[in-house]
Amino acid sequence: MNLLIIRLIIFAVLFFAGLKLYGMYRQWKLDREALLEKENRHEGGQMVRCRWCEVHVPEDEALREQSQWFCSSAHRDRYLQEQAQNENNQKEDKQD
């Protein structure tokens, strides 16, 4: 009877140790896949130039407005504001 209890305890310990090792392996594998995916995301891809400051940024991080690329919403807004002012000045010149 004692031998049966000892075997049962040993089996339970091995079972829980196996579960723990399997969980650690799964977590390691998921972390590794996430790291590889993150590294691959930054590799390659097309670079575009901000219309306002002419800095190159990855296309997936850039903003697009009226077929123009911008590095930030502030630069986009400043460019559009400048374009609107130029159009207003041209209209005033034509009226004079």
PDB file of N, CA and C in Angstrom:
ATOM      1  N   MET A   1       0.816  -1.192   0.000  1.00  0.00           N
ATOM      2  CA  MET A   1       0.000   0.000   0.000  1.00  0.00           C
ATOM      3  C   MET A   1       0.863   1.261   0.000  1.00  0.00           C
ATOM      4  N   ASN A   2       1.925   1.233   0.822  1.00  0.00           N
ATOM      5  CA  ASN A   2       2.829   2.374   0.865  1.00  0.00           C
ATOM      6  C   ASN A   2       3.475   2.632  -0.492  1.00  0.00           C
ATOM      7  N   LEU A   3       3.845   1.580  -1.181  1.00  0.00           N
ATOM      8  CA  LEU A   3       4.480   1.696  -2.486  1.00  0.00           C
ATOM      9  C   LEU A   3       3.531   2.327  -3.491  1.00  0.00           C
ATOM     10  N   LEU A   4       2.251   2.003  -3.419  1.00  0.00           N
ATOM     11  CA  LEU A   4       1.257   2.583  -4.316  1.00  0.00           C
ATOM     12  C   LEU A   4       1.112   4.088  -4.086  1.00  0.00           C
ATOM     13  N   ILE A   5       1.118   4.522  -2.858  1.00  0.00           N
ATOM     14  CA  ILE A   5       1.003   5.953  -2.531  1.00  0.00           C
ATOM     15  C   ILE A   5       2.250   6.703  -3.008  1.00  0.00           C
ATOM     16  N   ILE A   6       3.410   6.107  -2.820  1.00  0.00           N
ATOM     17  CA  ILE A   6       4.658   6.733  -3.257  1.00  0.00           C
ATOM     18  C   ILE A   6       4.660   6.882  -4.772  1.00  0.00           C
ATOM     19  N   ARG A   7       4.241   5.847  -5.496  1.00  0.00           N
ATOM     20  CA  ARG A   7       4.159   5.922  -6.955  1.00  0.00           C
ATOM     21  C   ARG A   7       3.165   6.994  -7.402  1.00  0.00           C
ATOM     22  N   LEU A   8       2.057   7.070  -6.722  1.00  0.00           N
ATOM     23  CA  LEU A   8       1.047   8.071  -7.044  1.00  0.00           C
ATOM     24  C   LEU A   8       1.594   9.486  -6.822  1.00  0.00           C
ATOM     25  N   ILE A   9       2.310   9.697  -5.740  1.00  0.00           N
ATOM     26  CA  ILE A   9       2.902  11.009  -5.456  1.00  0.00           C
ATOM     27  C   ILE A   9       3.950  11.363  -6.508  1.00  0.00           C
ATOM     28  N   ILE A  10       4.796  10.388  -6.841  1.00  0.00           N
ATOM     29  CA  ILE A  10       5.819  10.622  -7.868  1.00  0.00           C
ATOM     30  C   ILE A  10       5.164  10.949  -9.205  1.00  0.00           C
ATOM     31  N   PHE A  11       4.134  10.228  -9.579  1.00  0.00           N
ATOM     32  CA  PHE A  11       3.419  10.479 -10.825  1.00  0.00           C
ATOM     33  C   PHE A  11       2.801  11.885 -10.832  1.00  0.00           C
ATOM     34  N   ALA A  12       2.207  12.284  -9.717  1.00  0.00           N
ATOM     35  CA  ALA A  12       1.582  13.613  -9.624  1.00  0.00           C
ATOM     36  C   ALA A  12       2.633  14.715  -9.754  1.00  0.00           C
ATOM     37  N   VAL A  13       3.778  14.544  -9.091  1.00  0.00           N
ATOM     38  CA  VAL A  13       4.848  15.535  -9.171  1.00  0.00           C
ATOM     39  C   VAL A  13       5.369  15.639 -10.605  1.00  0.00           C
ATOM     40  N   LEU A  14       5.606  14.504 -11.253  1.00  0.00           N
ATOM     41  CA  LEU A  14       6.080  14.513 -12.633  1.00  0.00           C
ATOM     42  C   LEU A  14       5.048  15.138 -13.572  1.00  0.00           C
ATOM     43  N   PHE A  15       3.774  14.842 -13.337  1.00  0.00           N
ATOM     44  CA  PHE A  15       2.711  15.405 -14.167  1.00  0.00           C
ATOM     45  C   PHE A  15       2.673  16.931 -14.052  1.00  0.00           C
ATOM     46  N   PHE A  16       2.702  17.452 -12.833  1.00  0.00           N
ATOM     47  CA  PHE A  16       2.667  18.908 -12.643  1.00  0.00           C
ATOM     48  C   PHE A  16       3.951  19.581 -13.140  1.00  0.00           C
ATOM     49  N   ALA A  17       5.089  18.899 -12.978  1.00  0.00           N
ATOM     50  CA  ALA A  17       6.340  19.446 -13.514  1.00  0.00           C
ATOM     51  C   ALA A  17       6.274  19.506 -15.042  1.00  0.00           C
ATOM     52  N   GLY A  18       5.720  18.479 -15.662  1.00  0.00           N
ATOM     53  CA  GLY A  18       5.552  18.474 -17.112  1.00  0.00           C
ATOM     54  C   GLY A  18       4.624  19.592 -17.582  1.00  0.00           C
ATOM     55  N   LEU A  19       3.538  19.799 -16.854  1.00  0.00           N
ATOM     56  CA  LEU A  19       2.625  20.894 -17.199  1.00  0.00           C
ATOM     57  C   LEU A  19       3.328  22.246 -17.092  1.00  0.00           C
ATOM     58  N   LYS A  20       4.108  22.411 -16.053  1.00  0.00           N
ATOM     59  CA  LYS A  20       4.838  23.669 -15.853  1.00  0.00           C
ATOM     60  C   LYS A  20       5.855  23.890 -16.970  1.00  0.00           C
ATOM     61  N   LEU A  21       6.591  22.855 -17.319  1.00  0.00           N
ATOM     62  CA  LEU A  21       7.561  22.964 -18.408  1.00  0.00           C
ATOM     63  C   LEU A  21       6.878  23.256 -19.741  1.00  0.00           C
ATOM     64  N   TYR A  22       5.745  22.615 -19.988  1.00  0.00           N
ATOM     65  CA  TYR A  22       5.009  22.864 -21.224  1.00  0.00           C
ATOM     66  C   TYR A  22       4.528  24.315 -21.275  1.00  0.00           C
ATOM     67  N   GLY A  23       4.033  24.840 -20.172  1.00  0.00           N
ATOM     68  CA  GLY A  23       3.588  26.235 -20.115  1.00  0.00           C
ATOM     69  C   GLY A  23       4.739  27.197 -20.366  1.00  0.00           C
ATOM     70  N   MET A  24       5.904  26.901 -19.778  1.00  0.00           N
ATOM     71  CA  MET A  24       7.075  27.746 -20.001  1.00  0.00           C
ATOM     72  C   MET A  24       7.504  27.704 -21.462  1.00  0.00           C
ATOM     73  N   TYR A  25       7.453  26.520 -22.089  1.00  0.00           N
ATOM     74  CA  TYR A  25       7.809  26.381 -23.497  1.00  0.00           C
ATOM     75  C   TYR A  25       6.854  27.174 -24.381  1.00  0.00           C
ATOM     76  N   ARG A  26       5.556  27.075 -24.115  1.00  0.00           N
ATOM     77  CA  ARG A  26       4.564  27.813 -24.915  1.00  0.00           C
ATOM     78  C   ARG A  26       4.793  29.317 -24.807  1.00  0.00           C
ATOM     79  N   GLN A  27       5.061  29.806 -23.601  1.00  0.00           N
ATOM     80  CA  GLN A  27       5.288  31.242 -23.405  1.00  0.00           C
ATOM     81  C   GLN A  27       6.551  31.687 -24.133  1.00  0.00           C
ATOM     82  N   TRP A  28       7.607  30.898 -24.068  1.00  0.00           N
ATOM     83  CA  TRP A  28       8.848  31.213 -24.770  1.00  0.00           C
ATOM     84  C   TRP A  28       8.612  31.272 -26.269  1.00  0.00           C
ATOM     85  N   LYS A  29       7.852  30.296 -26.771  1.00  0.00           N
ATOM     86  CA  LYS A  29       7.572  30.245 -28.203  1.00  0.00           C
ATOM     87  C   LYS A  29       6.751  31.459 -28.644  1.00  0.00           C
ATOM     88  N   LEU A  30       5.747  31.847 -27.882  1.00  0.00           N
ATOM     89  CA  LEU A  30       4.938  33.014 -28.219  1.00  0.00           C
ATOM     90  C   LEU A  30       5.761  34.302 -28.165  1.00  0.00           C
ATOM     91  N   ASP A  31       6.623  34.435 -27.164  1.00  0.00           N
ATOM     92  CA  ASP A  31       7.484  35.612 -27.063  1.00  0.00           C
ATOM     93  C   ASP A  31       8.436  35.695 -28.253  1.00  0.00           C
ATOM     94  N   ARG A  32       8.991  34.561 -28.632  1.00  0.00           N
ATOM     95  CA  ARG A  32       9.925  34.528 -29.754  1.00  0.00           C
ATOM     96  C   ARG A  32       9.223  34.893 -31.058  1.00  0.00           C
ATOM     97  N   GLU A  33       8.016  34.370 -31.282  1.00  0.00           N
ATOM     98  CA  GLU A  33       7.261  34.698 -32.488  1.00  0.00           C
ATOM     99  C   GLU A  33       6.910  36.186 -32.527  1.00  0.00           C
ATOM    100  N   ALA A  34       6.545  36.750 -31.390  1.00  0.00           N
ATOM    101  CA  ALA A  34       6.216  38.176 -31.332  1.00  0.00           C
ATOM    102  C   ALA A  34       7.444  39.026 -31.644  1.00  0.00           C
ATOM    103  N   LEU A  35       8.600  38.624 -31.131  1.00  0.00           N
ATOM    104  CA  LEU A  35       9.823  39.361 -31.390  1.00  0.00           C
ATOM    105  C   LEU A  35      10.199  39.293 -32.871  1.00  0.00           C
ATOM    106  N   LEU A  36      10.102  38.116 -33.467  1.00  0.00           N
ATOM    107  CA  LEU A  36      10.410  37.972 -34.891  1.00  0.00           C
ATOM    108  C   LEU A  36       9.446  38.779 -35.745  1.00  0.00           C
ATOM    109  N   GLU A  37       8.173  38.790 -35.375  1.00  0.00           N
ATOM    110  CA  GLU A  37       7.183  39.555 -36.124  1.00  0.00           C
ATOM    111  C   GLU A  37       7.473  41.047 -36.027  1.00  0.00           C
ATOM    112  N   LYS A  38       7.877  41.497 -34.852  1.00  0.00           N
ATOM    113  CA  LYS A  38       8.198  42.908 -34.660  1.00  0.00           C
ATOM    114  C   LYS A  38       9.422  43.290 -35.486  1.00  0.00           C
ATOM    115  N   GLU A  39      10.440  42.433 -35.517  1.00  0.00           N
ATOM    116  CA  GLU A  39      11.639  42.709 -36.301  1.00  0.00           C
ATOM    117  C   GLU A  39      11.316  42.729 -37.783  1.00  0.00           C
ATOM    118  N   ASN A  40      10.489  41.811 -38.249  1.00  0.00           N
ATOM    119  CA  ASN A  40      10.151  41.743 -39.666  1.00  0.00           C
ATOM    120  C   ASN A  40       9.306  42.929 -40.102  1.00  0.00           C
ATOM    121  N   ARG A  41       8.523  43.468 -39.192  1.00  0.00           N
ATOM    122  CA  ARG A  41       7.663  44.592 -39.540  1.00  0.00           C
ATOM    123  C   ARG A  41       8.497  45.819 -39.903  1.00  0.00           C
ATOM    124  N   HIS A  42       9.652  45.988 -39.240  1.00  0.00           N
ATOM    125  CA  HIS A  42      10.475  47.155 -39.490  1.00  0.00           C
ATOM    126  C   HIS A  42      11.423  46.953 -40.668  1.00  0.00           C
ATOM    127  N   GLU A  43      11.554  45.735 -41.137  1.00  0.00           N
ATOM    128  CA  GLU A  43      12.418  45.496 -42.272  1.00  0.00           C
ATOM    129  C   GLU A  43      11.662  45.789 -43.557  1.00  0.00           C
ATOM    130  N   GLY A  44      12.374  46.334 -44.506  1.00  0.00           N
ATOM    131  CA  GLY A  44      11.769  46.595 -45.803  1.00  0.00           C
ATOM    132  C   GLY A  44      10.716  47.676 -45.731  1.00  0.00           C
ATOM    133  N   GLY A  45       9.854  47.661 -46.693  1.00  0.00           N
ATOM    134  CA  GLY A  45       8.817  48.673 -46.745  1.00  0.00           C
ATOM    135  C   GLY A  45       9.321  49.914 -47.460  1.00  0.00           C
ATOM    136  N   GLN A  46       8.398  50.653 -47.986  1.00  0.00           N
ATOM    137  CA  GLN A  46       8.746  51.831 -48.765  1.00  0.00           C
ATOM    138  C   GLN A  46       8.833  53.056 -47.859  1.00  0.00           C
ATOM    139  N   MET A  47       9.807  53.902 -48.132  1.00  0.00           N
ATOM    140  CA  MET A  47       9.967  55.159 -47.412  1.00  0.00           C
ATOM    141  C   MET A  47       9.341  56.267 -48.254  1.00  0.00           C
ATOM    142  N   VAL A  48       8.664  57.187 -47.584  1.00  0.00           N
ATOM    143  CA  VAL A  48       8.071  58.337 -48.267  1.00  0.00           C
ATOM    144  C   VAL A  48       8.576  59.609 -47.602  1.00  0.00           C
ATOM    145  N   ARG A  49       8.528  60.709 -48.354  1.00  0.00           N
ATOM    146  CA  ARG A  49       9.046  61.976 -47.849  1.00  0.00           C
ATOM    147  C   ARG A  49       7.899  62.878 -47.410  1.00  0.00           C
ATOM    148  N   CYS A  50       8.061  63.445 -46.226  1.00  0.00           N
ATOM    149  CA  CYS A  50       7.086  64.405 -45.721  1.00  0.00           C
ATOM    150  C   CYS A  50       7.111  65.634 -46.609  1.00  0.00           C
ATOM    151  N   ARG A  51       5.957  66.069 -47.042  1.00  0.00           N
ATOM    152  CA  ARG A  51       5.849  67.210 -47.937  1.00  0.00           C
ATOM    153  C   ARG A  51       6.282  68.507 -47.247  1.00  0.00           C
ATOM    154  N   TRP A  52       6.125  68.585 -45.943  1.00  0.00           N
ATOM    155  CA  TRP A  52       6.444  69.814 -45.213  1.00  0.00           C
ATOM    156  C   TRP A  52       7.921  69.909 -44.850  1.00  0.00           C
ATOM    157  N   CYS A  53       8.450  68.896 -44.185  1.00  0.00           N
ATOM    158  CA  CYS A  53       9.833  68.973 -43.681  1.00  0.00           C
ATOM    159  C   CYS A  53      10.808  68.122 -44.493  1.00  0.00           C
ATOM    160  N   GLU A  54      10.322  67.339 -45.429  1.00  0.00           N
ATOM    161  CA  GLU A  54      11.125  66.499 -46.323  1.00  0.00           C
ATOM    162  C   GLU A  54      11.912  65.410 -45.599  1.00  0.00           C
ATOM    163  N   VAL A  55      11.420  64.979 -44.446  1.00  0.00           N
ATOM    164  CA  VAL A  55      12.022  63.864 -43.719  1.00  0.00           C
ATOM    165  C   VAL A  55      11.417  62.566 -44.244  1.00  0.00           C
ATOM    166  N   HIS A  56      12.232  61.553 -44.417  1.00  0.00           N
ATOM    167  CA  HIS A  56      11.740  60.260 -44.883  1.00  0.00           C
ATOM    168  C   HIS A  56      11.207  59.452 -43.697  1.00  0.00           C
ATOM    169  N   VAL A  57      10.013  58.884 -43.875  1.00  0.00           N
ATOM    170  CA  VAL A  57       9.384  58.034 -42.866  1.00  0.00           C
ATOM    171  C   VAL A  57       8.833  56.789 -43.552  1.00  0.00           C
ATOM    172  N   PRO A  58       8.707  55.674 -42.820  1.00  0.00           N
ATOM    173  CA  PRO A  58       8.107  54.476 -43.420  1.00  0.00           C
ATOM    174  C   PRO A  58       6.663  54.754 -43.831  1.00  0.00           C
ATOM    175  N   GLU A  59       6.272  54.191 -44.936  1.00  0.00           N
ATOM    176  CA  GLU A  59       4.934  54.437 -45.478  1.00  0.00           C
ATOM    177  C   GLU A  59       3.831  54.033 -44.509  1.00  0.00           C
ATOM    178  N   ASP A  60       4.040  52.946 -43.762  1.00  0.00           N
ATOM    179  CA  ASP A  60       2.996  52.502 -42.837  1.00  0.00           C
ATOM    180  C   ASP A  60       2.859  53.408 -41.618  1.00  0.00           C
ATOM    181  N   GLU A  61       3.812  54.308 -41.377  1.00  0.00           N
ATOM    182  CA  GLU A  61       3.725  55.247 -40.264  1.00  0.00           C
ATOM    183  C   GLU A  61       3.365  56.659 -40.722  1.00  0.00           C
ATOM    184  N   ALA A  62       3.365  56.901 -42.029  1.00  0.00           N
ATOM    185  CA  ALA A  62       3.109  58.233 -42.565  1.00  0.00           C
ATOM    186  C   ALA A  62       1.607  58.476 -42.739  1.00  0.00           C
ATOM    187  N   LEU A  63       1.253  59.747 -42.827  1.00  0.00           N
ATOM    188  CA  LEU A  63      -0.132  60.150 -43.075  1.00  0.00           C
ATOM    189  C   LEU A  63      -0.248  60.637 -44.516  1.00  0.00           C
ATOM    190  N   ARG A  64      -1.366  60.328 -45.150  1.00  0.00           N
ATOM    191  CA  ARG A  64      -1.554  60.727 -46.540  1.00  0.00           C
ATOM    192  C   ARG A  64      -2.773  61.628 -46.654  1.00  0.00           C
ATOM    193  N   GLU A  65      -2.602  62.727 -47.374  1.00  0.00           N
ATOM    194  CA  GLU A  65      -3.689  63.674 -47.591  1.00  0.00           C
ATOM    195  C   GLU A  65      -3.507  64.273 -48.979  1.00  0.00           C
ATOM    196  N   GLN A  66      -4.520  64.178 -49.814  1.00  0.00           N
ATOM    197  CA  GLN A  66      -4.493  64.737 -51.166  1.00  0.00           C
ATOM    198  C   GLN A  66      -3.248  64.296 -51.935  1.00  0.00           C
ATOM    199  N   SER A  67      -2.974  63.020 -51.931  1.00  0.00           N
ATOM    200  CA  SER A  67      -1.836  62.385 -52.601  1.00  0.00           C
ATOM    201  C   SER A  67      -0.479  62.921 -52.137  1.00  0.00           C
ATOM    202  N   GLN A  68      -0.435  63.522 -50.960  1.00  0.00           N
ATOM    203  CA  GLN A  68       0.814  63.992 -50.364  1.00  0.00           C
ATOM    204  C   GLN A  68       1.057  63.212 -49.071  1.00  0.00           C
ATOM    205  N   TRP A  69       2.321  62.990 -48.737  1.00  0.00           N
ATOM    206  CA  TRP A  69       2.686  62.262 -47.521  1.00  0.00           C
ATOM    207  C   TRP A  69       3.194  63.226 -46.468  1.00  0.00           C
ATOM    208  N   PHE A  70       2.875  62.924 -45.196  1.00  0.00           N
ATOM    209  CA  PHE A  70       3.295  63.759 -44.075  1.00  0.00           C
ATOM    210  C   PHE A  70       3.768  62.867 -42.927  1.00  0.00           C
ATOM    211  N   CYS A  71       4.732  63.394 -42.154  1.00  0.00           N
ATOM    212  CA  CYS A  71       5.264  62.617 -41.035  1.00  0.00           C
ATOM    213  C   CYS A  71       4.397  62.753 -39.786  1.00  0.00           C
ATOM    214  N   SER A  72       3.586  63.808 -39.705  1.00  0.00           N
ATOM    215  CA  SER A  72       2.733  63.996 -38.533  1.00  0.00           C
ATOM    216  C   SER A  72       1.505  64.807 -38.923  1.00  0.00           C
ATOM    217  N   SER A  73       0.518  64.778 -38.061  1.00  0.00           N
ATOM    218  CA  SER A  73      -0.699  65.540 -38.338  1.00  0.00           C
ATOM    219  C   SER A  73      -0.434  67.040 -38.267  1.00  0.00           C
ATOM    220  N   ALA A  74       0.512  67.472 -37.438  1.00  0.00           N
ATOM    221  CA  ALA A  74       0.846  68.893 -37.347  1.00  0.00           C
ATOM    222  C   ALA A  74       1.408  69.398 -38.671  1.00  0.00           C
ATOM    223  N   HIS A  75       2.294  68.632 -39.292  1.00  0.00           N
ATOM    224  CA  HIS A  75       2.858  69.045 -40.578  1.00  0.00           C
ATOM    225  C   HIS A  75       1.795  69.019 -41.672  1.00  0.00           C
ATOM    226  N   ARG A  76       0.916  68.037 -41.611  1.00  0.00           N
ATOM    227  CA  ARG A  76      -0.178  67.990 -42.583  1.00  0.00           C
ATOM    228  C   ARG A  76      -1.049  69.231 -42.462  1.00  0.00           C
ATOM    229  N   ASP A  77      -1.412  69.588 -41.241  1.00  0.00           N
ATOM    230  CA  ASP A  77      -2.274  70.752 -41.030  1.00  0.00           C
ATOM    231  C   ASP A  77      -1.586  72.041 -41.467  1.00  0.00           C
ATOM    232  N   ARG A  78      -0.307  72.180 -41.162  1.00  0.00           N
ATOM    233  CA  ARG A  78       0.425  73.387 -41.561  1.00  0.00           C
ATOM    234  C   ARG A  78       0.517  73.488 -43.085  1.00  0.00           C
ATOM    235  N   TYR A  79       0.766  72.376 -43.735  1.00  0.00           N
ATOM    236  CA  TYR A  79       0.853  72.384 -45.197  1.00  0.00           C
ATOM    237  C   TYR A  79      -0.493  72.758 -45.816  1.00  0.00           C
ATOM    238  N   LEU A  80      -1.571  72.163 -45.331  1.00  0.00           N
ATOM    239  CA  LEU A  80      -2.891  72.466 -45.875  1.00  0.00           C
ATOM    240  C   LEU A  80      -3.278  73.919 -45.604  1.00  0.00           C
ATOM    241  N   GLN A  81      -2.906  74.429 -44.450  1.00  0.00           N
ATOM    242  CA  GLN A  81      -3.188  75.821 -44.130  1.00  0.00           C
ATOM    243  C   GLN A  81      -2.415  76.752 -45.070  1.00  0.00           C
ATOM    244  N   GLU A  82      -1.174  76.423 -45.322  1.00  0.00           N
ATOM    245  CA  GLU A  82      -0.368  77.230 -46.236  1.00  0.00           C
ATOM    246  C   GLU A  82      -0.938  77.188 -47.657  1.00  0.00           C
ATOM    247  N   GLN A  83      -1.384  76.013 -48.066  1.00  0.00           N
ATOM    248  CA  GLN A  83      -1.983  75.884 -49.397  1.00  0.00           C
ATOM    249  C   GLN A  83      -3.243  76.745 -49.505  1.00  0.00           C
ATOM    250  N   ALA A  84      -4.066  76.741 -48.462  1.00  0.00           N
ATOM    251  CA  ALA A  84      -5.290  77.541 -48.470  1.00  0.00           C
ATOM    252  C   ALA A  84      -4.956  79.027 -48.536  1.00  0.00           C
ATOM    253  N   GLN A  85      -3.922  79.461 -47.805  1.00  0.00           N
ATOM    254  CA  GLN A  85      -3.522  80.864 -47.846  1.00  0.00           C
ATOM    255  C   GLN A  85      -3.010  81.247 -49.226  1.00  0.00           C
ATOM    256  N   ASN A  86      -2.245  80.364 -49.858  1.00  0.00           N
ATOM    257  CA  ASN A  86      -1.740  80.638 -51.203  1.00  0.00           C
ATOM    258  C   ASN A  86      -2.891  80.759 -52.199  1.00  0.00           C
ATOM    259  N   GLU A  87      -3.891  79.904 -52.075  1.00  0.00           N
ATOM    260  CA  GLU A  87      -5.038  79.974 -52.969  1.00  0.00           C
ATOM    261  C   GLU A  87      -5.805  81.278 -52.763  1.00  0.00           C
ATOM    262  N   ASN A  88      -5.967  81.700 -51.529  1.00  0.00           N
ATOM    263  CA  ASN A  88      -6.652  82.960 -51.229  1.00  0.00           C
ATOM    264  C   ASN A  88      -5.875  84.144 -51.791  1.00  0.00           C
ATOM    265  N   ASN A  89      -4.553  84.127 -51.672  1.00  0.00           N
ATOM    266  CA  ASN A  89      -3.724  85.208 -52.212  1.00  0.00           C
ATOM    267  C   ASN A  89      -3.828  85.269 -53.728  1.00  0.00           C
ATOM    268  N   GLN A  90      -3.869  84.114 -54.375  1.00  0.00           N
ATOM    269  CA  GLN A  90      -3.993  84.084 -55.828  1.00  0.00           C
ATOM    270  C   GLN A  90      -5.342  84.622 -56.279  1.00  0.00           C
ATOM    271  N   LYS A  91      -6.402  84.290 -55.565  1.00  0.00           N
ATOM    272  CA  LYS A  91      -7.733  84.804 -55.890  1.00  0.00           C
ATOM    273  C   LYS A  91      -7.787  86.314 -55.734  1.00  0.00           C
ATOM    274  N   GLU A  92      -7.145  86.843 -54.685  1.00  0.00           N
ATOM    275  CA  GLU A  92      -7.123  88.290 -54.451  1.00  0.00           C
ATOM    276  C   GLU A  92      -6.325  88.998 -55.547  1.00  0.00           C
ATOM    277  N   ASP A  93      -5.221  88.389 -55.990  1.00  0.00           N
ATOM    278  CA  ASP A  93      -4.426  88.969 -57.056  1.00  0.00           C
ATOM    279  C   ASP A  93      -5.207  89.021 -58.360  1.00  0.00           C
ATOM    280  N   LYS A  94      -5.994  88.004 -58.648  1.00  0.00           N
ATOM    281  CA  LYS A  94      -6.781  87.965 -59.878  1.00  0.00           C
ATOM    282  C   LYS A  94      -7.903  89.000 -59.836  1.00  0.00           C
ATOM    283  N   GLN A  95      -8.439  89.263 -58.664  1.00  0.00           N
ATOM    284  CA  GLN A  95      -9.527  90.234 -58.532  1.00  0.00           C
ATOM    285  C   GLN A  95      -9.006  91.656 -58.704  1.00  0.00           C
ATOM    286  N   ASP A  96      -7.770  91.936 -58.367  1.00  0.00           N
ATOM    287  CA  ASP A  96      -7.218  93.292 -58.463  1.00  0.00           C
ATOM    288  C   ASP A  96      -6.837  93.636 -59.831  1.00  0.00           C
TER     289      ASP A  96
END
